[in-house]
Protein backbone atom coordinates (compact mmCIF):
# COMPACT_ATOMS: atom_id res chain seq x y z
CA MET A 1 -0.05 0.00 0.01
CA LYS A 2 1.25 3.36 -0.90
CA LYS A 3 1.23 5.67 2.10
CA ILE A 4 2.10 9.27 1.59
CA GLN A 5 2.51 11.73 4.53
CA ILE A 6 1.04 14.96 3.36
CA LYS A 7 1.39 16.98 6.65
CA LYS A 8 1.76 15.84 10.16
CA ASP A 9 -2.16 15.87 10.32
CA ASN A 10 -2.94 14.17 6.96
CA GLU A 11 -2.29 10.75 5.43
CA VAL A 12 -3.07 9.38 1.92
CA PHE A 13 -3.22 5.68 1.12
CA SER A 14 -3.52 4.41 -2.47
CA ARG A 15 -3.99 0.73 -3.50
CA PHE A 16 -6.08 -1.69 -5.52
CA GLU A 17 -9.17 -3.25 -3.97
CA PHE A 18 -11.23 -6.25 -5.17
CA LYS A 19 -14.35 -7.18 -3.47
CA TYR A 20 -16.44 -10.28 -3.22
CA ILE A 21 -19.86 -11.08 -1.67
CA ILE A 22 -19.52 -14.74 -0.10
CA ASN A 23 -21.79 -16.64 2.19
CA LYS A 24 -20.85 -17.31 5.69
CA ASP A 25 -19.74 -20.85 5.21
CA ILE A 26 -17.39 -19.86 2.33
CA SER A 27 -16.14 -17.09 4.40
CA LYS A 28 -15.17 -19.36 7.34
CA ASN A 29 -13.51 -21.90 4.90
CA ILE A 30 -11.28 -19.26 3.36
CA GLN A 31 -10.37 -17.89 6.64
CA ASN A 32 -8.95 -21.16 7.69
CA GLU A 33 -7.27 -21.87 4.25
CA VAL A 34 -5.26 -18.60 4.48
CA LYS A 35 -3.84 -19.05 8.04
CA ASN A 36 -0.57 -20.34 6.72
CA PHE A 37 -0.07 -17.29 4.49
CA MET A 38 -1.61 -14.54 6.71
CA THR A 39 -1.34 -13.12 10.18
CA GLN A 40 -3.71 -11.31 12.49
CA ASP A 41 -3.81 -7.54 12.54
CA ASN A 42 -2.64 -6.14 15.82
CA PHE A 43 -5.86 -4.12 16.26
CA ALA A 44 -7.98 -7.07 16.33
CA ASP A 45 -9.65 -8.02 19.60
CA TYR A 46 -9.83 -11.62 21.24
CA ASP A 47 -12.30 -12.83 18.58
CA ASN A 48 -9.80 -11.60 15.91
CA ASN A 49 -12.09 -8.80 14.67
CA TYR A 50 -13.20 -5.27 15.60
CA LEU A 51 -15.99 -2.78 15.11
CA VAL A 52 -16.01 -0.42 12.12
CA ARG A 53 -18.38 2.32 12.22
CA SER A 54 -18.73 5.16 9.52
CA LEU A 55 -21.02 8.19 9.20
CA TYR A 56 -21.22 8.76 5.46
CA PHE A 57 -21.99 12.08 3.85
CA ASP A 58 -24.04 13.02 0.64
CA ASN A 59 -26.48 15.85 -0.48
CA LYS A 60 -30.17 15.82 -1.10
CA PHE A 61 -29.56 14.75 -4.74
CA PHE A 62 -27.41 11.71 -3.56
CA SER A 63 -24.70 12.82 -6.01
CA CYS A 64 -22.08 10.58 -4.31
CA PHE A 65 -24.29 7.66 -4.57
CA ASN A 66 -25.16 8.22 -8.21
CA GLU A 67 -21.50 8.77 -8.99
CA LYS A 68 -20.89 5.28 -7.73
CA ILE A 69 -23.83 3.72 -9.43
CA ASP A 70 -22.67 5.34 -12.75
CA GLY A 71 -19.30 4.06 -12.41
CA ILE A 72 -17.51 7.55 -12.56
CA LYS A 73 -13.80 6.75 -12.56
CA ASN A 74 -12.77 9.91 -10.55
CA ARG A 75 -14.97 10.40 -7.64
CA HIS A 76 -14.79 10.89 -3.81
CA LYS A 77 -16.98 10.83 -0.70
CA PHE A 78 -16.53 11.92 2.95
CA ARG A 79 -17.12 9.98 6.00
CA ILE A 80 -16.27 10.11 9.65
CA ARG A 81 -14.78 6.81 10.77
CA THR A 82 -14.20 5.29 14.28
CA TYR A 83 -13.83 1.84 15.82
CA THR A 84 -16.28 2.22 18.89
CA ASP A 85 -19.90 2.90 19.52
CA GLN A 86 -19.19 4.38 22.95
CA LYS A 87 -18.54 7.87 23.79
CA ASN A 88 -15.25 8.92 25.68
CA SER A 89 -13.63 5.70 24.77
CA LYS A 90 -10.43 7.27 23.80
CA ILE A 91 -10.71 5.43 20.51
CA PRO A 92 -9.46 7.74 17.52
CA PHE A 93 -11.80 9.44 15.11
CA PHE A 94 -10.94 10.20 11.60
CA LEU A 95 -12.45 12.43 8.88
CA GLU A 96 -11.87 10.44 5.54
CA MET A 97 -12.03 11.18 1.99
CA LYS A 98 -12.42 7.85 0.28
CA GLY A 99 -12.48 7.80 -3.52
CA ARG A 100 -11.25 6.35 -6.80
CA ASN A 101 -8.66 7.55 -9.36
CA ASN A 102 -9.01 5.36 -12.49
CA GLN A 103 -8.11 1.84 -11.09
CA ARG A 104 -6.74 2.60 -7.88
CA THR A 105 -8.61 3.35 -4.58
CA PHE A 106 -7.38 6.18 -2.42
CA LYS A 107 -8.09 7.20 1.17
CA ASN A 108 -7.22 10.61 2.73
CA ARG A 109 -7.66 10.83 6.37
CA THR A 110 -6.91 13.12 9.37
CA ASN A 111 -7.50 12.74 12.96
CA ILE A 112 -10.25 14.62 14.68
CA GLN A 113 -11.28 15.11 18.15
CA GLU A 114 -14.45 13.55 19.41
CA ASN A 115 -15.54 16.93 20.92
CA ASP A 116 -15.46 18.38 17.46
CA LEU A 117 -17.95 16.02 15.99
CA ASP A 118 -20.66 18.75 15.98
CA PHE A 119 -18.46 20.87 13.71
CA PHE A 120 -18.95 18.12 10.99
CA CYS A 121 -22.24 16.59 11.76
CA LYS A 122 -24.36 19.69 12.61
CA LYS A 123 -22.62 22.31 10.38
CA ASP A 124 -21.53 24.30 13.36
CA ASN A 125 -19.14 27.23 13.10
CA PHE A 126 -16.76 26.44 10.19
CA PHE A 127 -14.67 29.55 11.13
CA ASP A 128 -13.78 27.71 14.38
CA LEU A 129 -13.17 24.43 12.51
CA LYS A 130 -10.93 26.11 10.13
CA LYS A 131 -9.00 27.92 12.89
CA LYS A 132 -8.43 24.76 14.94
CA TYR A 133 -7.38 22.57 11.94
CA SER A 134 -5.38 25.29 10.23
CA GLU A 135 -3.33 24.44 7.10
CA ASN A 136 -5.07 21.02 6.88
CA GLN A 137 -5.91 20.30 3.38
CA LEU A 138 -8.53 17.53 3.96
CA ILE A 139 -10.51 19.85 6.30
CA ASP A 140 -10.15 22.57 3.51
CA GLN A 141 -11.63 20.04 1.05
CA TYR A 142 -14.48 19.12 3.35
CA ILE A 143 -15.58 22.82 3.94
CA PHE A 144 -15.32 23.22 0.26
CA ASP A 145 -17.58 20.21 -0.52
CA THR A 146 -19.96 21.28 2.28
CA TYR A 147 -20.42 24.61 0.44
CA LYS A 148 -20.12 23.62 -3.12
CA LYS A 149 -21.99 20.33 -2.83
CA ASN A 150 -23.99 20.88 0.24
CA ILE A 151 -22.95 17.48 1.86
CA ILE A 152 -24.58 16.41 5.06
CA PRO A 153 -24.42 13.27 7.16
CA LYS A 154 -26.87 10.74 5.66
CA VAL A 155 -26.29 7.20 6.62
CA LEU A 156 -24.58 5.44 9.49
CA ILE A 157 -22.99 2.03 8.82
CA ASP A 158 -21.17 -0.47 10.92
CA TYR A 159 -19.92 -3.96 10.80
CA ARG A 160 -17.48 -6.50 12.41
CA ARG A 161 -14.13 -6.73 10.59
CA MET A 162 -11.65 -9.65 10.60
CA PRO A 163 -8.40 -8.23 9.12
CA LEU A 164 -5.52 -10.44 7.88
CA LEU A 165 -2.13 -9.22 6.60
CA SER A 166 0.49 -11.20 4.55
CA ARG A 167 3.41 -12.73 6.33
CA ASN A 168 5.84 -12.13 3.55
CA GLY A 169 6.27 -8.42 3.93
CA LEU A 170 4.61 -7.27 0.77
CA TYR A 171 1.30 -5.23 1.19
CA PHE A 172 -1.48 -7.78 0.81
CA ARG A 173 -4.40 -7.59 2.97
CA LEU A 174 -7.73 -9.43 3.41
CA THR A 175 -10.63 -8.20 5.36
CA PHE A 176 -13.80 -10.11 6.03
CA ASP A 177 -16.79 -7.86 6.98
CA SER A 178 -19.75 -9.39 8.54
CA GLU A 179 -23.04 -8.19 10.36
CA ILE A 180 -23.26 -5.20 8.01
CA ARG A 181 -26.02 -2.75 9.05
CA ALA A 182 -27.13 0.67 8.40
CA CYS A 183 -29.63 3.41 9.55
CA GLU A 184 -30.53 7.04 8.59
CA SER A 185 -28.51 9.28 11.11
CA ASN A 186 -26.49 12.32 11.49
CA ASP A 187 -24.86 11.01 14.86
CA ILE A 188 -22.08 8.66 14.72
CA PHE A 189 -23.23 7.40 18.39
CA GLU A 190 -26.73 6.74 16.98
CA SER A 191 -28.61 4.50 19.64
CA GLN A 192 -31.87 4.13 17.87
CA ASN A 193 -33.18 0.64 17.06
CA ASN A 194 -34.23 1.16 13.40
CA TRP A 195 -30.90 -0.59 11.93
CA LYS A 196 -31.42 -2.43 8.78
CA THR A 197 -29.39 -5.49 7.95
CA CYS A 198 -27.39 -5.31 4.62
CA ILE A 199 -26.84 -8.50 2.71
CA PRO A 200 -28.17 -10.94 5.13
CA GLY A 201 -26.49 -14.31 5.38
CA ASN A 202 -23.32 -12.95 3.56
CA ASP A 203 -20.00 -11.34 4.20
CA ILE A 204 -17.89 -8.96 2.00
CA LEU A 205 -14.34 -10.10 1.49
CA GLU A 206 -12.02 -7.27 0.39
CA VAL A 207 -8.73 -7.88 -1.16
CA LYS A 208 -6.30 -4.97 -0.97
CA PHE A 209 -2.96 -4.94 -2.56
CA ASP A 210 -0.27 -2.72 -4.15
CA PHE A 211 0.79 -4.48 -7.24
CA THR A 212 -0.37 -8.12 -7.62
CA ILE A 213 -2.42 -10.98 -6.00
CA PRO A 214 -0.05 -13.92 -4.73
CA PRO A 215 -0.59 -17.12 -6.70
CA TRP A 216 -1.74 -18.95 -3.71
CA PHE A 217 -4.71 -16.72 -3.36
CA HIS A 218 -5.48 -17.03 -7.09
CA ARG A 219 -5.92 -20.62 -6.56
CA ILE A 220 -8.49 -19.89 -3.72
CA ILE A 221 -10.23 -17.53 -6.08
CA GLN A 222 -10.56 -20.23 -8.63
CA SER A 223 -11.35 -22.92 -6.09
CA TYR A 224 -14.41 -21.15 -4.74
CA GLU A 225 -15.17 -19.68 -8.07
CA LEU A 226 -15.35 -16.13 -6.52
CA LYS A 227 -16.70 -13.49 -8.77
CA ARG A 228 -15.54 -9.94 -8.33
CA VAL A 229 -18.24 -7.36 -7.77
CA SER A 230 -18.45 -3.50 -7.62
CA VAL A 231 -20.11 -3.42 -4.27
CA SER A 232 -20.10 -0.45 -1.83
CA LYS A 233 -21.08 -0.54 1.86
CA PHE A 234 -22.16 3.12 1.32
CA VAL A 235 -24.50 2.13 -1.49
CA LEU A 236 -25.79 -0.97 0.34
CA GLY A 237 -26.36 1.27 3.43
CA LEU A 238 -28.29 3.87 1.60
CA GLU A 239 -30.40 1.23 -0.05
CA ALA A 240 -31.10 -0.82 3.28
CA ALA A 241 -32.06 2.44 4.98
CA ASN A 242 -34.56 3.16 2.16
CA LEU A 243 -32.74 6.52 1.37
CA ALA A 244 -31.63 5.89 -2.31
CA HIS A 245 -31.96 3.11 -4.86
CA ASP A 246 -30.29 1.84 -7.87
CA TYR A 247 -33.46 1.48 -9.98
CA GLU A 248 -31.48 0.40 -13.19
CA GLY A 249 -30.18 -2.55 -11.16
CA ILE A 250 -33.72 -3.72 -10.24
C-alpha cells in the first residue's frame, strides 16, 4: 500500500481493492485456508475482529451515490470513521475522503477530536473549525464540499471486521466484513433501534494490494469460483435504510 504523508495531520493511502460477496460458510472456509499465509492484525480483539463504524455524507440529490452507481472513474466521498460505539472511549476518530482515481482506490484521512464532531455533523461554526485545523488540506476540502455540494451526514454504517495481513512483507491484506447494518442518522453514536441489515447471510471479502495478488490466493479464487463485484457498503447502506436506490439494477 502506498502511504504518503502530506502533513503531520494528513495521510493518503493508495491501493487496488477487489471485492467479493460470499456466504458465511465460504467465508469461514477461506479464513481457515489462508492461515498459513496470513497473520492477524494487531488491532483485532480476542475474537480476531473489531467494530468499524462510519458516518457517510451526501447531499439531497445523492450525488455521491449516483456517481458510484454510474461508475464515474474519478470520484470521492466523505465519512467520519471510528472503531467504537461508545462515547469517551479514547478510540480515535478520523475524517476520511475515500475515492477512486481510475483503477486505484485512495483514502485521505486526518485525525479529529471527539468533541469536534458537531462541527462536522451539525454544520456548526466552520470558522472555528478552520481555525482549529489550520493548514489541513483535507479539512479545507471538506469545507469546500460542504458549501459547493451541500453535503450532510446521511447514513450510519457499522460491521465487524476480521483483518489479515500477509506474512511475507509485501502489502497484501484481506478483510472479512460481517454483520453489516445501516440506519439513517447524523450522529455517529446513534442509539436508535431502526438498524437495517445489509446483505443478510453474507460477508464482504475485500482484497487489498499494491501491485499483484499472490498465486496461492489466485488458487483460492478459482477453487471457490469467486466473482469480483463492484459493491459499496455506502450504497448498500443507503439502499437498506431506504434512502436511495439503484433503479437500473432492479
